[in-house]
C-alpha atoms as a PDB file:
ATOM      1  CA  MET A   1      76.698 102.601  54.787  1.00  0.00           C
ATOM      2  CA  HIS A   2      77.888 101.138  58.096  1.00  0.00           C
ATOM      3  CA  PRO A   3      76.508  97.568  58.510  1.00  0.00           C
ATOM      4  CA  TYR A   4      75.429  98.061  62.137  1.00  0.00           C
ATOM      5  CA  ILE A   5      73.444 100.553  64.166  1.00  0.00           C
ATOM      6  CA  SER A   6      74.267 100.809  67.864  1.00  0.00           C
ATOM      7  CA  CYS A   7      72.152 102.723  70.358  1.00  0.00           C
ATOM      8  CA  LEU A   8      72.731 103.755  73.949  1.00  0.00           C
ATOM      9  CA  PHE A   9      69.516 104.818  75.664  1.00  0.00           C
ATOM     10  CA  SER A  10      69.506 106.504  79.082  1.00  0.00           C
ATOM     11  CA  LEU A  11      66.285 106.190  81.053  1.00  0.00           C
ATOM     12  CA  ALA A  12      65.057 107.662  84.309  1.00  0.00           C
ATOM     13  CA  VAL A  13      63.062 105.163  86.357  1.00  0.00           C
ATOM     14  CA  LYS A  14      61.445 105.740  89.717  1.00  0.00           C
ATOM     15  CA  PRO A  15      63.086 103.210  92.066  1.00  0.00           C
ATOM     16  CA  GLU A  16      59.692 102.158  93.466  1.00  0.00           C
ATOM     17  CA  GLU A  17      58.565 101.269  89.929  1.00  0.00           C
ATOM     18  CA  LEU A  18      61.705  99.294  89.085  1.00  0.00           C
ATOM     19  CA  PRO A  19      60.182  95.856  89.886  1.00  0.00           C
ATOM     20  CA  GLU A  20      57.288  96.468  87.474  1.00  0.00           C
ATOM     21  CA  PHE A  21      59.702  97.942  84.928  1.00  0.00           C
ATOM     22  CA  LYS A  22      61.951  94.861  85.174  1.00  0.00           C
ATOM     23  CA  ALA A  23      58.963  92.559  84.658  1.00  0.00           C
ATOM     24  CA  LEU A  24      58.042  94.454  81.487  1.00  0.00           C
ATOM     25  CA  ILE A  25      61.643  94.428  80.293  1.00  0.00           C
ATOM     26  CA  SER A  26      61.763  90.657  80.725  1.00  0.00           C
ATOM     27  CA  LYS A  27      58.930  90.375  78.195  1.00  0.00           C
ATOM     28  CA  ILE A  28      60.569  92.835  75.790  1.00  0.00           C
ATOM     29  CA  VAL A  29      63.896  90.998  75.998  1.00  0.00           C
ATOM     30  CA  ALA A  30      62.214  87.642  75.332  1.00  0.00           C
ATOM     31  CA  ALA A  31      60.507  89.053  72.230  1.00  0.00           C
ATOM     32  CA  THR A  32      63.672  90.807  71.035  1.00  0.00           C
ATOM     33  CA  GLN A  33      65.731  87.651  71.486  1.00  0.00           C
ATOM     34  CA  GLN A  34      63.753  86.149  68.590  1.00  0.00           C
ATOM     35  CA  GLU A  35      65.031  88.816  66.167  1.00  0.00           C
ATOM     36  CA  PRO A  36      67.990  87.407  64.207  1.00  0.00           C
ATOM     37  CA  GLY A  37      69.264  90.895  63.355  1.00  0.00           C
ATOM     38  CA  THR A  38      69.519  92.017  66.986  1.00  0.00           C
ATOM     39  CA  LEU A  39      73.125  91.468  68.046  1.00  0.00           C
ATOM     40  CA  ILE A  40      73.197  93.126  71.500  1.00  0.00           C
ATOM     41  CA  TYR A  41      70.229  94.020  73.697  1.00  0.00           C
ATOM     42  CA  GLU A  42      71.274  94.661  77.312  1.00  0.00           C
ATOM     43  CA  TYR A  43      69.737  96.596  80.197  1.00  0.00           C
ATOM     44  CA  SER A  44      71.834  97.899  83.114  1.00  0.00           C
ATOM     45  CA  VAL A  45      70.863  99.891  86.198  1.00  0.00           C
ATOM     46  CA  ASN A  46      72.870 102.200  88.458  1.00  0.00           C
ATOM     47  CA  GLU A  47      73.389 101.626  92.185  1.00  0.00           C
ATOM     48  CA  ASP A  48      70.395 103.639  93.374  1.00  0.00           C
ATOM     49  CA  ASN A  49      68.049 102.067  90.785  1.00  0.00           C
ATOM     50  CA  SER A  50      67.148 105.421  89.227  1.00  0.00           C
ATOM     51  CA  THR A  51      68.976 105.266  85.889  1.00  0.00           C
ATOM     52  CA  VAL A  52      68.789 102.479  83.341  1.00  0.00           C
ATOM     53  CA  HIS A  53      70.855 102.163  80.184  1.00  0.00           C
ATOM     54  CA  ILE A  54      69.921 100.054  77.194  1.00  0.00           C
ATOM     55  CA  LEU A  55      72.781  99.014  74.948  1.00  0.00           C
ATOM     56  CA  GLU A  56      71.528  97.832  71.554  1.00  0.00           C
ATOM     57  CA  ARG A  57      73.223  96.745  68.333  1.00  0.00           C
ATOM     58  CA  TYR A  58      71.380  95.750  65.186  1.00  0.00           C
ATOM     59  CA  ASN A  59      72.135  94.787  61.648  1.00  0.00           C
ATOM     60  CA  VAL A  60      71.180  97.967  59.817  1.00  0.00           C
ATOM     61  CA  ASP A  61      68.153  96.300  58.202  1.00  0.00           C
ATOM     62  CA  SER A  62      66.705  95.181  61.561  1.00  0.00           C
ATOM     63  CA  VAL A  63      66.139  98.456  63.419  1.00  0.00           C
ATOM     64  CA  VAL A  64      62.800  99.384  61.822  1.00  0.00           C
ATOM     65  CA  SER A  65      61.243  95.968  62.436  1.00  0.00           C
ATOM     66  CA  HIS A  66      62.420  96.024  66.060  1.00  0.00           C
ATOM     67  CA  VAL A  67      60.718  99.370  66.690  1.00  0.00           C
ATOM     68  CA  ASP A  68      57.585  98.772  64.585  1.00  0.00           C
ATOM     69  CA  ILE A  69      56.893  95.099  65.319  1.00  0.00           C
ATOM     70  CA  THR A  70      58.710  93.813  68.407  1.00  0.00           C
ATOM     71  CA  PHE A  71      58.789  96.881  70.666  1.00  0.00           C
ATOM     72  CA  ALA A  72      55.477  98.470  69.599  1.00  0.00           C
ATOM     73  CA  PRO A  73      53.154  96.297  71.739  1.00  0.00           C
ATOM     74  CA  PHE A  74      55.145  97.279  74.848  1.00  0.00           C
ATOM     75  CA  GLY A  75      55.877 100.915  73.994  1.00  0.00           C
ATOM     76  CA  GLU A  76      53.014 102.647  75.774  1.00  0.00           C
ATOM     77  CA  ARG A  77      53.584 100.897  79.107  1.00  0.00           C
ATOM     78  CA  PHE A  78      57.355 101.255  78.749  1.00  0.00           C
ATOM     79  CA  LEU A  79      57.008 105.047  78.416  1.00  0.00           C
ATOM     80  CA  GLU A  80      54.649 105.165  81.414  1.00  0.00           C
ATOM     81  CA  LEU A  81      57.296 103.513  83.602  1.00  0.00           C
ATOM     82  CA  CYS A  82      60.347 105.474  82.464  1.00  0.00           C
ATOM     83  CA  THR A  83      61.481 108.686  80.832  1.00  0.00           C
ATOM     84  CA  VAL A  84      64.000 108.606  78.004  1.00  0.00           C
ATOM     85  CA  THR A  85      66.651 111.123  79.064  1.00  0.00           C
ATOM     86  CA  GLY A  86      69.109 110.468  76.257  1.00  0.00           C
ATOM     87  CA  LEU A  87      69.793 108.460  73.134  1.00  0.00           C
ATOM     88  CA  VAL A  88      73.096 108.265  71.300  1.00  0.00           C
ATOM     89  CA  VAL A  89      73.076 106.450  67.951  1.00  0.00           C
ATOM     90  CA  TYR A  90      76.242 105.104  66.344  1.00  0.00           C
ATOM     91  CA  GLY A  91      76.439 104.132  62.684  1.00  0.00           C
ATOM     92  CA  THR A  92      74.847 105.582  59.577  1.00  0.00           C
ATOM     93  CA  PRO A  93      71.080 105.248  59.941  1.00  0.00           C
ATOM     94  CA  ASP A  94      68.950 105.976  56.897  1.00  0.00           C
ATOM     95  CA  ALA A  95      65.850 108.209  56.899  1.00  0.00           C
ATOM     96  CA  GLU A  96      63.514 105.366  57.938  1.00  0.00           C
ATOM     97  CA  ILE A  97      65.634 104.511  60.978  1.00  0.00           C
ATOM     98  CA  ARG A  98      65.982 108.183  61.924  1.00  0.00           C
ATOM     99  CA  LYS A  99      62.188 108.535  61.710  1.00  0.00           C
ATOM    100  CA  ARG A 100      61.879 105.877  64.454  1.00  0.00           C
ATOM    101  CA  LEU A 101      64.685 107.227  66.667  1.00  0.00           C
ATOM    102  CA  ASP A 102      64.204 111.005  66.343  1.00  0.00           C
ATOM    103  CA  PRO A 103      61.185 111.053  68.728  1.00  0.00           C
ATOM    104  CA  PHE A 104      63.541 109.883  71.502  1.00  0.00           C
ATOM    105  CA  GLY A 105      65.809 112.921  71.012  1.00  0.00           C
ATOM    106  CA  ALA A 106      68.522 110.945  69.215  1.00  0.00           C
ATOM    107  CA  VAL A 107      72.028 112.370  68.866  1.00  0.00           C
ATOM    108  CA  TYR A 108      73.740 110.812  65.847  1.00  0.00           C
ATOM    109  CA  MET A 109      77.438 109.972  65.905  1.00  0.00           C
ATOM    110  CA  THR A 110      78.938 109.208  62.488  1.00  0.00           C
ATOM    111  CA  PRO A 111      81.788 106.676  62.432  1.00  0.00           C
ATOM    112  CA  PHE A 112      85.018 107.776  60.813  1.00  0.00           C
ATOM    113  CA  ASP A 113      87.605 105.195  61.912  1.00  0.00           C
ATOM    114  CA  GLY A 114      87.902 101.984  63.927  1.00  0.00           C
ATOM    115  CA  PHE A 115      86.682  98.390  63.744  1.00  0.00           C
ATOM    116  CA  SER A 116      84.416  95.793  65.304  1.00  0.00           C
ATOM    117  CA  ARG A 117      85.169  92.130  65.868  1.00  0.00           C
END
């Protein structure tokens, strides 16, 4: 099993709702920052403020707790303010992780060569 799970989410956000979305994200980031197994958790937006990407990397044993405990209190409002348009998952997630990511339309990419520093 690969020791890390990386995710790249693509989100559609209405530009007029971006300020409220950013305020919510600030709370989610603060909560996620307390998770020792979260290695990368970054939000980026395109020039016209309509597309947001989330780049995430977790120790493999931290994904489920992020979704079930940290993100859960924010999930409903998050999904009211954006639409998940894509999710690419890198690594070798087990069935429990896939159960959390499948509802977002996850595409799984299995590593076969390379390294991380």
